[in-house]
Amino acid sequence: MPTVGIFGGSFNPIHFGHLLLADELCEALRLDRVLFVPAAVPPHKPAAELASAEHPRFAVSDIELRRQGPSYTVDTLVALKDEGALHLLIGSDTFLDLLSWREPRRVGRLARLVVVPRTGGDFDPEAPAAQKVLHELGLPPFGDVAGPVLYHAASLPISGSDLRRRAREGRSLAYRMPESVAAYIREHRLYHAS
C-alpha cells in the first residue's frame, strides 16, 4: 500500500517554504506521494498545480474545491482513504487545536499525524496541552512506533502575507516561489485591489 502525505492549507500563495517542507517530509518519511489539498480558494489550485508539477511525487487534489458547504479534514481523509496509508502533515499549532475540529478522534484513526513544530517555536510534546490532545484522540505518545511523528523540518523565512503584499505592490516574487507561480499571479493579477 502506498504511503501518502496529505498537505492541506490555503497555499495563499504556494511558495518554496511549502515545497521544501513537503520534499523534506517526503524523503524523511519515505512517502510515495505528497498530495497538496488546497482549501476552497479556487484561484489558488492552478498555482499549486504549477508549483508541484516539477516534483515526481507531488500532486494536487481539488477535493475540497469540489465539495459543497464547509470542508472538514475528516471528510477529506474519508474521501482519500483508498489512496493509501495516509499521513496528515500539520504544524504544531494546528496539532494543539485538533480537539476543536470535527471528529478529531476519527481524524487520528484515518491518518497518522505528522507534526512539524514552527522554527523557533516552543512546542513541547511532553507539555500538558500536547498530552491532552494525544489522550483525547486515543493516540500513543510521540516516539512510539504507532504514535504521531514529530519532525523538526528546515524552514525558509517566507510568509504568505509578505508575498501577497509584494504582489499587490508589484514587487519581485523571485527566489520565493517557482517562476511559473509568480507568472500566474502576475497574469491573473492575484492579490491586487479590485
N, C-alpha and C. Protein backbone atom coordinates (compact mmCIF):
# COMPACT_ATOMS: atom_id res chain seq x y z
N MET A 1 0.84 -1.18 0.00
CA MET A 1 0.00 0.00 0.00
C MET A 1 0.89 1.24 0.00
N PRO A 2 0.65 2.18 -0.90
CA PRO A 2 1.48 3.39 -0.94
C PRO A 2 1.25 4.26 0.31
N THR A 3 2.28 5.01 0.68
CA THR A 3 2.15 5.97 1.78
C THR A 3 2.00 7.35 1.17
N VAL A 4 0.98 8.06 1.63
CA VAL A 4 0.63 9.34 1.03
C VAL A 4 0.56 10.41 2.11
N GLY A 5 1.33 11.47 1.93
CA GLY A 5 1.26 12.63 2.81
C GLY A 5 0.16 13.55 2.34
N ILE A 6 -0.71 13.96 3.23
CA ILE A 6 -1.78 14.90 2.91
C ILE A 6 -1.37 16.25 3.48
N PHE A 7 -1.17 17.22 2.61
CA PHE A 7 -0.69 18.54 3.00
C PHE A 7 -1.77 19.55 2.61
N GLY A 8 -2.60 19.90 3.57
CA GLY A 8 -3.68 20.85 3.31
C GLY A 8 -3.31 22.25 3.72
N GLY A 9 -4.04 23.21 3.19
CA GLY A 9 -3.81 24.60 3.56
C GLY A 9 -4.36 25.54 2.52
N SER A 10 -4.26 26.81 2.80
CA SER A 10 -4.76 27.79 1.84
C SER A 10 -3.76 27.99 0.70
N PHE A 11 -2.47 27.74 0.97
CA PHE A 11 -1.43 27.93 -0.05
C PHE A 11 -1.68 29.26 -0.76
N ASN A 12 -1.74 30.32 0.04
CA ASN A 12 -2.21 31.62 -0.42
C ASN A 12 -1.10 32.67 -0.35
N PRO A 13 -0.10 32.59 -1.24
CA PRO A 13 0.11 31.65 -2.33
C PRO A 13 1.06 30.52 -1.91
N ILE A 14 1.13 29.50 -2.75
CA ILE A 14 2.09 28.44 -2.51
C ILE A 14 3.49 29.00 -2.77
N HIS A 15 4.46 28.58 -1.97
CA HIS A 15 5.82 29.13 -2.11
C HIS A 15 6.85 28.05 -1.77
N PHE A 16 8.12 28.44 -1.89
CA PHE A 16 9.20 27.48 -1.68
C PHE A 16 9.22 26.92 -0.25
N GLY A 17 8.71 27.65 0.72
CA GLY A 17 8.63 27.12 2.08
C GLY A 17 7.74 25.89 2.14
N HIS A 18 6.58 25.94 1.48
CA HIS A 18 5.68 24.78 1.42
C HIS A 18 6.35 23.62 0.69
N LEU A 19 6.98 23.94 -0.43
CA LEU A 19 7.57 22.89 -1.27
C LEU A 19 8.77 22.23 -0.59
N LEU A 20 9.59 23.03 0.09
CA LEU A 20 10.73 22.48 0.82
C LEU A 20 10.26 21.53 1.92
N LEU A 21 9.26 21.95 2.68
CA LEU A 21 8.72 21.12 3.75
C LEU A 21 8.18 19.81 3.18
N ALA A 22 7.39 19.89 2.12
CA ALA A 22 6.83 18.69 1.52
C ALA A 22 7.91 17.75 1.02
N ASP A 23 8.94 18.30 0.38
CA ASP A 23 10.03 17.47 -0.13
C ASP A 23 10.79 16.82 1.02
N GLU A 24 11.06 17.57 2.06
CA GLU A 24 11.80 17.04 3.19
C GLU A 24 11.02 15.91 3.87
N LEU A 25 9.72 16.10 4.07
CA LEU A 25 8.89 15.08 4.70
C LEU A 25 8.75 13.86 3.79
N CYS A 26 8.64 14.11 2.50
CA CYS A 26 8.53 13.01 1.53
C CYS A 26 9.75 12.10 1.64
N GLU A 27 10.90 12.70 1.72
CA GLU A 27 12.15 11.94 1.81
C GLU A 27 12.32 11.29 3.18
N ALA A 28 12.13 12.06 4.24
CA ALA A 28 12.37 11.55 5.60
C ALA A 28 11.41 10.44 5.98
N LEU A 29 10.16 10.55 5.57
CA LEU A 29 9.15 9.56 5.94
C LEU A 29 8.96 8.49 4.87
N ARG A 30 9.76 8.61 3.79
CA ARG A 30 9.67 7.66 2.67
C ARG A 30 8.25 7.59 2.11
N LEU A 31 7.65 8.76 1.92
CA LEU A 31 6.31 8.82 1.35
C LEU A 31 6.38 8.56 -0.14
N ASP A 32 5.42 7.83 -0.64
CA ASP A 32 5.36 7.60 -2.08
C ASP A 32 4.85 8.83 -2.81
N ARG A 33 4.05 9.63 -2.10
CA ARG A 33 3.45 10.79 -2.74
C ARG A 33 3.05 11.80 -1.68
N VAL A 34 3.10 13.08 -2.02
CA VAL A 34 2.53 14.14 -1.19
C VAL A 34 1.42 14.76 -2.00
N LEU A 35 0.23 14.77 -1.41
CA LEU A 35 -0.95 15.31 -2.07
C LEU A 35 -1.28 16.66 -1.44
N PHE A 36 -1.10 17.72 -2.21
CA PHE A 36 -1.46 19.06 -1.75
C PHE A 36 -2.97 19.20 -1.90
N VAL A 37 -3.63 19.63 -0.83
CA VAL A 37 -5.09 19.77 -0.85
C VAL A 37 -5.41 21.23 -0.52
N PRO A 38 -5.50 22.08 -1.56
CA PRO A 38 -5.82 23.48 -1.29
C PRO A 38 -7.21 23.63 -0.70
N ALA A 39 -7.32 24.51 0.29
CA ALA A 39 -8.63 24.84 0.85
C ALA A 39 -9.45 25.52 -0.24
N ALA A 40 -10.71 25.65 0.01
CA ALA A 40 -11.64 26.13 -1.02
C ALA A 40 -11.39 27.58 -1.42
N VAL A 41 -10.30 27.82 -2.10
CA VAL A 41 -9.98 29.13 -2.67
C VAL A 41 -9.59 28.87 -4.12
N PRO A 42 -10.59 28.75 -5.02
CA PRO A 42 -10.34 28.28 -6.38
C PRO A 42 -9.18 28.90 -7.15
N PRO A 43 -8.89 30.20 -7.07
CA PRO A 43 -7.78 30.72 -7.88
C PRO A 43 -6.42 30.11 -7.53
N HIS A 44 -6.31 29.49 -6.36
CA HIS A 44 -5.00 29.02 -5.93
C HIS A 44 -4.71 27.58 -6.34
N LYS A 45 -5.70 26.85 -6.81
CA LYS A 45 -5.45 25.47 -7.26
C LYS A 45 -4.49 25.45 -8.45
N PRO A 46 -4.71 26.27 -9.49
CA PRO A 46 -3.75 26.23 -10.61
C PRO A 46 -2.33 26.58 -10.18
N ALA A 47 -2.18 27.52 -9.25
CA ALA A 47 -0.84 27.88 -8.77
C ALA A 47 -0.20 26.69 -8.06
N ALA A 48 -0.98 25.96 -7.25
CA ALA A 48 -0.46 24.77 -6.57
C ALA A 48 -0.06 23.71 -7.58
N GLU A 49 -0.86 23.55 -8.64
CA GLU A 49 -0.54 22.57 -9.68
C GLU A 49 0.76 22.94 -10.38
N LEU A 50 0.93 24.22 -10.67
CA LEU A 50 2.17 24.67 -11.31
C LEU A 50 3.37 24.40 -10.41
N ALA A 51 3.22 24.71 -9.12
CA ALA A 51 4.33 24.56 -8.19
C ALA A 51 4.72 23.10 -7.98
N SER A 52 3.75 22.22 -8.01
CA SER A 52 4.04 20.81 -7.72
C SER A 52 4.40 20.00 -8.97
N ALA A 53 4.21 20.57 -10.15
CA ALA A 53 4.39 19.83 -11.40
C ALA A 53 5.81 19.30 -11.60
N GLU A 54 6.80 19.98 -11.06
CA GLU A 54 8.18 19.59 -11.31
C GLU A 54 8.69 18.48 -10.40
N HIS A 55 7.91 18.11 -9.38
CA HIS A 55 8.35 17.06 -8.45
C HIS A 55 7.60 15.77 -8.78
N PRO A 56 8.33 14.68 -8.99
CA PRO A 56 7.68 13.44 -9.43
C PRO A 56 6.72 12.82 -8.42
N ARG A 57 6.85 13.22 -7.14
CA ARG A 57 5.98 12.62 -6.13
C ARG A 57 4.96 13.60 -5.56
N PHE A 58 4.82 14.77 -6.17
CA PHE A 58 3.84 15.75 -5.73
C PHE A 58 2.64 15.73 -6.65
N ALA A 59 1.46 15.90 -6.08
CA ALA A 59 0.22 16.01 -6.85
C ALA A 59 -0.71 16.96 -6.11
N VAL A 60 -1.75 17.41 -6.79
CA VAL A 60 -2.72 18.33 -6.20
C VAL A 60 -4.10 17.71 -6.32
N SER A 61 -4.86 17.80 -5.24
CA SER A 61 -6.24 17.32 -5.24
C SER A 61 -7.18 18.51 -5.13
N ASP A 62 -8.24 18.47 -5.92
CA ASP A 62 -9.25 19.54 -5.84
C ASP A 62 -10.47 19.09 -5.04
N ILE A 63 -10.30 18.09 -4.20
CA ILE A 63 -11.42 17.51 -3.46
C ILE A 63 -12.15 18.55 -2.61
N GLU A 64 -11.42 19.45 -1.97
CA GLU A 64 -12.08 20.45 -1.13
C GLU A 64 -12.69 21.57 -1.96
N LEU A 65 -12.17 21.78 -3.15
CA LEU A 65 -12.74 22.80 -4.03
C LEU A 65 -14.07 22.35 -4.62
N ARG A 66 -14.23 21.04 -4.80
CA ARG A 66 -15.46 20.49 -5.39
C ARG A 66 -16.56 20.28 -4.36
N ARG A 67 -16.21 20.21 -3.11
CA ARG A 67 -17.17 19.92 -2.05
C ARG A 67 -18.07 21.12 -1.79
N GLN A 68 -19.35 20.85 -1.65
CA GLN A 68 -20.32 21.90 -1.32
C GLN A 68 -20.30 22.13 0.19
N GLY A 69 -20.49 23.37 0.60
CA GLY A 69 -20.56 23.68 2.02
C GLY A 69 -19.20 23.66 2.69
N PRO A 70 -19.20 23.65 4.03
CA PRO A 70 -17.93 23.66 4.76
C PRO A 70 -17.10 22.42 4.44
N SER A 71 -15.80 22.59 4.50
CA SER A 71 -14.89 21.50 4.20
C SER A 71 -14.20 21.09 5.50
N TYR A 72 -14.35 19.83 5.87
CA TYR A 72 -13.75 19.32 7.09
C TYR A 72 -12.68 18.29 6.74
N THR A 73 -11.58 18.32 7.47
CA THR A 73 -10.48 17.40 7.23
C THR A 73 -10.94 15.95 7.31
N VAL A 74 -11.81 15.64 8.25
CA VAL A 74 -12.28 14.27 8.39
C VAL A 74 -12.95 13.79 7.11
N ASP A 75 -13.73 14.65 6.46
CA ASP A 75 -14.39 14.28 5.20
C ASP A 75 -13.36 14.08 4.09
N THR A 76 -12.35 14.91 4.06
CA THR A 76 -11.29 14.79 3.06
C THR A 76 -10.54 13.47 3.24
N LEU A 77 -10.21 13.13 4.48
CA LEU A 77 -9.49 11.88 4.74
C LEU A 77 -10.34 10.66 4.38
N VAL A 78 -11.64 10.71 4.67
CA VAL A 78 -12.52 9.60 4.30
C VAL A 78 -12.53 9.45 2.78
N ALA A 79 -12.61 10.56 2.06
CA ALA A 79 -12.66 10.52 0.60
C ALA A 79 -11.34 10.02 0.00
N LEU A 80 -10.23 10.23 0.70
CA LEU A 80 -8.91 9.86 0.18
C LEU A 80 -8.39 8.54 0.73
N LYS A 81 -9.15 7.86 1.57
CA LYS A 81 -8.63 6.66 2.26
C LYS A 81 -8.17 5.56 1.31
N ASP A 82 -8.71 5.50 0.10
CA ASP A 82 -8.28 4.47 -0.84
C ASP A 82 -6.97 4.82 -1.55
N GLU A 83 -6.45 6.01 -1.31
CA GLU A 83 -5.18 6.44 -1.92
C GLU A 83 -3.99 5.68 -1.34
N GLY A 84 -4.12 5.22 -0.08
CA GLY A 84 -3.03 4.51 0.57
C GLY A 84 -3.02 4.79 2.06
N ALA A 85 -1.88 4.52 2.70
CA ALA A 85 -1.72 4.80 4.13
C ALA A 85 -1.49 6.31 4.27
N LEU A 86 -2.46 7.00 4.85
CA LEU A 86 -2.43 8.46 4.89
C LEU A 86 -1.62 8.98 6.07
N HIS A 87 -0.85 10.03 5.80
CA HIS A 87 -0.10 10.77 6.81
C HIS A 87 -0.55 12.22 6.70
N LEU A 88 -1.15 12.76 7.76
CA LEU A 88 -1.63 14.14 7.74
C LEU A 88 -0.53 15.05 8.25
N LEU A 89 -0.02 15.91 7.38
CA LEU A 89 1.08 16.82 7.69
C LEU A 89 0.52 18.11 8.27
N ILE A 90 0.81 18.39 9.54
CA ILE A 90 0.26 19.57 10.21
C ILE A 90 1.34 20.25 11.04
N GLY A 91 1.14 21.52 11.28
CA GLY A 91 2.02 22.28 12.16
C GLY A 91 1.66 22.01 13.61
N SER A 92 2.58 22.33 14.52
CA SER A 92 2.34 22.07 15.94
C SER A 92 1.18 22.91 16.48
N ASP A 93 1.00 24.13 15.97
CA ASP A 93 -0.14 24.95 16.41
C ASP A 93 -1.45 24.28 16.03
N THR A 94 -1.49 23.72 14.83
CA THR A 94 -2.68 23.01 14.36
C THR A 94 -2.92 21.77 15.22
N PHE A 95 -1.85 21.05 15.53
CA PHE A 95 -1.97 19.86 16.39
C PHE A 95 -2.65 20.22 17.71
N LEU A 96 -2.20 21.31 18.33
CA LEU A 96 -2.76 21.72 19.62
C LEU A 96 -4.22 22.15 19.51
N ASP A 97 -4.67 22.48 18.30
CA ASP A 97 -6.04 22.92 18.05
C ASP A 97 -6.96 21.77 17.58
N LEU A 98 -6.41 20.57 17.42
CA LEU A 98 -7.17 19.45 16.84
C LEU A 98 -8.47 19.13 17.57
N LEU A 99 -8.52 19.32 18.86
CA LEU A 99 -9.73 18.95 19.61
C LEU A 99 -10.93 19.81 19.24
N SER A 100 -10.69 20.94 18.57
CA SER A 100 -11.80 21.79 18.13
C SER A 100 -12.30 21.39 16.74
N TRP A 101 -11.64 20.46 16.08
CA TRP A 101 -12.02 20.02 14.74
C TRP A 101 -13.23 19.10 14.80
N ARG A 102 -13.86 18.90 13.67
CA ARG A 102 -14.94 17.93 13.57
C ARG A 102 -14.33 16.53 13.65
N GLU A 103 -14.87 15.71 14.51
CA GLU A 103 -14.48 14.31 14.70
C GLU A 103 -12.96 14.12 14.80
N PRO A 104 -12.33 14.79 15.76
CA PRO A 104 -10.86 14.70 15.86
C PRO A 104 -10.34 13.29 16.10
N ARG A 105 -11.07 12.49 16.87
CA ARG A 105 -10.62 11.12 17.13
C ARG A 105 -10.59 10.32 15.83
N ARG A 106 -11.59 10.55 14.98
CA ARG A 106 -11.63 9.85 13.70
C ARG A 106 -10.50 10.30 12.79
N VAL A 107 -10.17 11.60 12.83
CA VAL A 107 -9.03 12.12 12.06
C VAL A 107 -7.78 11.35 12.45
N GLY A 108 -7.58 11.15 13.77
CA GLY A 108 -6.41 10.44 14.26
C GLY A 108 -6.39 8.97 13.88
N ARG A 109 -7.56 8.38 13.60
CA ARG A 109 -7.61 6.98 13.15
C ARG A 109 -7.42 6.86 11.65
N LEU A 110 -7.87 7.86 10.89
CA LEU A 110 -7.80 7.80 9.43
C LEU A 110 -6.40 8.08 8.89
N ALA A 111 -5.61 8.85 9.64
CA ALA A 111 -4.27 9.23 9.15
C ALA A 111 -3.29 9.29 10.31
N ARG A 112 -2.07 8.92 10.02
CA ARG A 112 -1.01 9.12 11.01
C ARG A 112 -0.66 10.59 11.01
N LEU A 113 -0.62 11.19 12.18
CA LEU A 113 -0.31 12.62 12.28
C LEU A 113 1.20 12.83 12.21
N VAL A 114 1.59 13.78 11.39
CA VAL A 114 2.99 14.20 11.30
C VAL A 114 3.01 15.66 11.71
N VAL A 115 3.58 15.93 12.87
CA VAL A 115 3.54 17.25 13.48
C VAL A 115 4.89 17.93 13.30
N VAL A 116 4.84 19.13 12.70
CA VAL A 116 6.05 19.90 12.42
C VAL A 116 6.03 21.17 13.27
N PRO A 117 6.90 21.25 14.30
CA PRO A 117 6.94 22.46 15.10
C PRO A 117 7.46 23.65 14.29
N ARG A 118 6.92 24.80 14.61
CA ARG A 118 7.37 26.04 13.97
C ARG A 118 8.80 26.32 14.38
N THR A 119 9.64 26.68 13.42
CA THR A 119 11.03 27.01 13.72
C THR A 119 11.06 28.17 14.72
N GLY A 120 11.80 27.97 15.78
CA GLY A 120 11.90 29.00 16.81
C GLY A 120 10.73 28.97 17.77
N GLY A 121 9.76 28.08 17.55
CA GLY A 121 8.60 27.98 18.44
C GLY A 121 8.95 27.21 19.70
N ASP A 122 7.98 27.14 20.60
CA ASP A 122 8.25 26.48 21.88
C ASP A 122 7.37 25.24 22.09
N PHE A 123 7.05 24.54 21.01
CA PHE A 123 6.21 23.35 21.14
C PHE A 123 6.93 22.27 21.95
N ASP A 124 6.26 21.78 22.97
CA ASP A 124 6.81 20.72 23.82
C ASP A 124 5.86 19.53 23.78
N PRO A 125 6.27 18.42 23.15
CA PRO A 125 5.37 17.27 23.04
C PRO A 125 5.02 16.63 24.38
N GLU A 126 5.79 16.97 25.43
CA GLU A 126 5.52 16.42 26.76
C GLU A 126 4.65 17.35 27.60
N ALA A 127 4.37 18.55 27.11
CA ALA A 127 3.56 19.52 27.86
C ALA A 127 2.13 19.01 28.03
N PRO A 128 1.46 19.46 29.07
CA PRO A 128 0.08 19.02 29.32
C PRO A 128 -0.86 19.23 28.12
N ALA A 129 -0.71 20.34 27.40
CA ALA A 129 -1.61 20.61 26.26
C ALA A 129 -1.44 19.55 25.18
N ALA A 130 -0.20 19.19 24.86
CA ALA A 130 0.05 18.17 23.83
C ALA A 130 -0.42 16.80 24.33
N GLN A 131 -0.16 16.51 25.60
CA GLN A 131 -0.58 15.23 26.16
C GLN A 131 -2.09 15.09 26.19
N LYS A 132 -2.79 16.20 26.42
CA LYS A 132 -4.26 16.17 26.41
C LYS A 132 -4.77 15.80 25.02
N VAL A 133 -4.18 16.39 23.98
CA VAL A 133 -4.61 16.07 22.61
C VAL A 133 -4.39 14.59 22.33
N LEU A 134 -3.22 14.07 22.67
CA LEU A 134 -2.94 12.65 22.44
C LEU A 134 -3.95 11.77 23.18
N HIS A 135 -4.21 12.12 24.45
CA HIS A 135 -5.14 11.33 25.26
C HIS A 135 -6.55 11.35 24.67
N GLU A 136 -7.04 12.56 24.33
CA GLU A 136 -8.40 12.69 23.79
C GLU A 136 -8.56 11.99 22.45
N LEU A 137 -7.48 11.94 21.66
CA LEU A 137 -7.55 11.27 20.36
C LEU A 137 -7.30 9.76 20.49
N GLY A 138 -6.90 9.33 21.68
CA GLY A 138 -6.62 7.92 21.89
C GLY A 138 -5.35 7.47 21.18
N LEU A 139 -4.36 8.37 21.09
CA LEU A 139 -3.13 8.06 20.36
C LEU A 139 -1.98 7.77 21.34
N PRO A 140 -1.07 6.88 20.93
CA PRO A 140 0.13 6.67 21.75
C PRO A 140 1.01 7.92 21.71
N PRO A 141 2.01 7.99 22.58
CA PRO A 141 2.86 9.19 22.63
C PRO A 141 3.75 9.35 21.40
N PHE A 142 4.26 10.56 21.24
CA PHE A 142 5.27 10.81 20.22
C PHE A 142 6.44 9.89 20.50
N GLY A 143 7.05 9.36 19.46
CA GLY A 143 8.17 8.46 19.63
C GLY A 143 7.77 7.00 19.62
N ASP A 144 6.51 6.70 19.93
CA ASP A 144 6.01 5.33 19.85
C ASP A 144 5.88 4.98 18.37
N VAL A 145 6.19 3.75 18.00
CA VAL A 145 6.15 3.36 16.58
C VAL A 145 4.77 3.55 15.97
N ALA A 146 3.71 3.49 16.79
CA ALA A 146 2.35 3.67 16.27
C ALA A 146 1.82 5.07 16.52
N GLY A 147 2.63 5.90 17.17
CA GLY A 147 2.18 7.24 17.53
C GLY A 147 2.42 8.26 16.45
N PRO A 148 2.01 9.48 16.73
CA PRO A 148 2.28 10.56 15.77
C PRO A 148 3.78 10.77 15.61
N VAL A 149 4.15 11.32 14.47
CA VAL A 149 5.55 11.62 14.18
C VAL A 149 5.81 13.09 14.49
N LEU A 150 6.86 13.36 15.23
CA LEU A 150 7.29 14.73 15.48
C LEU A 150 8.52 14.95 14.61
N TYR A 151 8.42 15.90 13.67
CA TYR A 151 9.53 16.09 12.73
C TYR A 151 9.94 17.56 12.72
N HIS A 152 11.18 17.81 13.06
CA HIS A 152 11.73 19.17 13.03
C HIS A 152 12.31 19.41 11.65
N ALA A 153 11.62 20.21 10.87
CA ALA A 153 11.99 20.43 9.48
C ALA A 153 12.70 21.76 9.29
N ALA A 154 13.44 21.83 8.20
CA ALA A 154 14.03 23.11 7.81
C ALA A 154 12.90 24.04 7.39
N SER A 155 13.12 25.31 7.53
CA SER A 155 12.10 26.24 7.05
C SER A 155 12.77 27.45 6.42
N LEU A 156 12.04 28.08 5.56
CA LEU A 156 12.52 29.28 4.88
C LEU A 156 11.76 30.48 5.43
N PRO A 157 12.41 31.63 5.52
CA PRO A 157 11.74 32.82 6.04
C PRO A 157 10.84 33.47 4.98
N ILE A 158 9.80 32.74 4.60
CA ILE A 158 8.87 33.22 3.57
C ILE A 158 7.48 33.16 4.18
N SER A 159 6.72 34.23 4.03
CA SER A 159 5.35 34.22 4.55
C SER A 159 4.37 34.59 3.44
N GLY A 160 3.22 33.97 3.50
CA GLY A 160 2.17 34.26 2.52
C GLY A 160 1.75 35.72 2.56
N SER A 161 1.65 36.30 3.76
CA SER A 161 1.21 37.70 3.86
C SER A 161 2.23 38.62 3.19
N ASP A 162 3.53 38.33 3.36
CA ASP A 162 4.56 39.14 2.70
C ASP A 162 4.46 38.99 1.18
N LEU A 163 4.25 37.77 0.70
CA LEU A 163 4.15 37.55 -0.74
C LEU A 163 2.92 38.23 -1.33
N ARG A 164 1.80 38.19 -0.62
CA ARG A 164 0.59 38.89 -1.11
C ARG A 164 0.83 40.40 -1.18
N ARG A 165 1.50 40.93 -0.17
CA ARG A 165 1.82 42.37 -0.16
C ARG A 165 2.76 42.72 -1.30
N ARG A 166 3.79 41.90 -1.51
CA ARG A 166 4.74 42.15 -2.59
C ARG A 166 4.02 42.13 -3.95
N ALA A 167 3.13 41.15 -4.14
CA ALA A 167 2.39 41.06 -5.41
C ALA A 167 1.50 42.29 -5.59
N ARG A 168 0.82 42.68 -4.53
CA ARG A 168 -0.07 43.85 -4.58
C ARG A 168 0.72 45.12 -4.94
N GLU A 169 1.96 45.21 -4.44
CA GLU A 169 2.80 46.38 -4.69
C GLU A 169 3.61 46.26 -5.98
N GLY A 170 3.46 45.15 -6.70
CA GLY A 170 4.19 44.96 -7.95
C GLY A 170 5.67 44.69 -7.74
N ARG A 171 6.04 44.19 -6.56
CA ARG A 171 7.44 43.91 -6.25
C ARG A 171 7.82 42.49 -6.69
N SER A 172 9.10 42.21 -6.65
CA SER A 172 9.63 40.92 -7.09
C SER A 172 9.15 39.77 -6.20
N LEU A 173 8.83 38.65 -6.85
CA LEU A 173 8.49 37.41 -6.15
C LEU A 173 9.58 36.36 -6.40
N ALA A 174 10.64 36.76 -7.08
CA ALA A 174 11.73 35.84 -7.44
C ALA A 174 12.37 35.23 -6.21
N TYR A 175 12.81 33.99 -6.34
CA TYR A 175 13.50 33.24 -5.30
C TYR A 175 12.63 32.93 -4.09
N ARG A 176 11.33 33.16 -4.20
CA ARG A 176 10.40 32.90 -3.12
C ARG A 176 9.39 31.82 -3.48
N MET A 177 9.21 31.63 -4.79
CA MET A 177 8.27 30.65 -5.32
C MET A 177 8.71 30.30 -6.72
N PRO A 178 8.20 29.17 -7.27
CA PRO A 178 8.56 28.85 -8.65
C PRO A 178 8.13 29.98 -9.59
N GLU A 179 8.93 30.23 -10.61
CA GLU A 179 8.63 31.31 -11.56
C GLU A 179 7.27 31.10 -12.20
N SER A 180 6.87 29.84 -12.44
CA SER A 180 5.56 29.59 -13.05
C SER A 180 4.43 30.11 -12.16
N VAL A 181 4.59 30.02 -10.84
CA VAL A 181 3.57 30.52 -9.92
C VAL A 181 3.58 32.04 -9.92
N ALA A 182 4.77 32.64 -9.89
CA ALA A 182 4.86 34.10 -9.93
C ALA A 182 4.23 34.64 -11.21
N ALA A 183 4.47 33.98 -12.34
CA ALA A 183 3.88 34.41 -13.61
C ALA A 183 2.36 34.29 -13.57
N TYR A 184 1.85 33.22 -12.97
CA TYR A 184 0.40 33.04 -12.85
C TYR A 184 -0.20 34.16 -12.01
N ILE A 185 0.46 34.52 -10.91
CA ILE A 185 -0.01 35.60 -10.04
C ILE A 185 -0.04 36.92 -10.80
N ARG A 186 1.03 37.19 -11.58
CA ARG A 186 1.08 38.44 -12.35
C ARG A 186 0.00 38.44 -13.43
N GLU A 187 -0.11 37.35 -14.17
CA GLU A 187 -1.07 37.27 -15.28
C GLU A 187 -2.51 37.44 -14.81
N HIS A 188 -2.85 36.86 -13.68
CA HIS A 188 -4.23 36.92 -13.18
C HIS A 188 -4.43 38.03 -12.16
N ARG A 189 -3.39 38.82 -11.95
CA ARG A 189 -3.44 39.96 -11.05
C ARG A 189 -4.00 39.57 -9.68
N LEU A 190 -3.54 38.40 -9.19
CA LEU A 190 -3.96 37.96 -7.87
C LEU A 190 -3.39 38.93 -6.82
N TYR A 191 -4.14 39.17 -5.80
CA TYR A 191 -3.78 40.00 -4.65
C TYR A 191 -3.79 41.49 -4.93
N HIS A 192 -4.18 41.88 -6.14
CA HIS A 192 -4.29 43.32 -6.41
C HIS A 192 -5.67 43.79 -5.97
N ALA A 193 -5.76 45.03 -5.58
CA ALA A 193 -7.06 45.59 -5.18
C ALA A 193 -7.97 45.61 -6.40
N SER A 194 -9.22 45.28 -6.18
CA SER A 194 -10.18 45.24 -7.31
C SER A 194 -10.61 46.63 -7.72
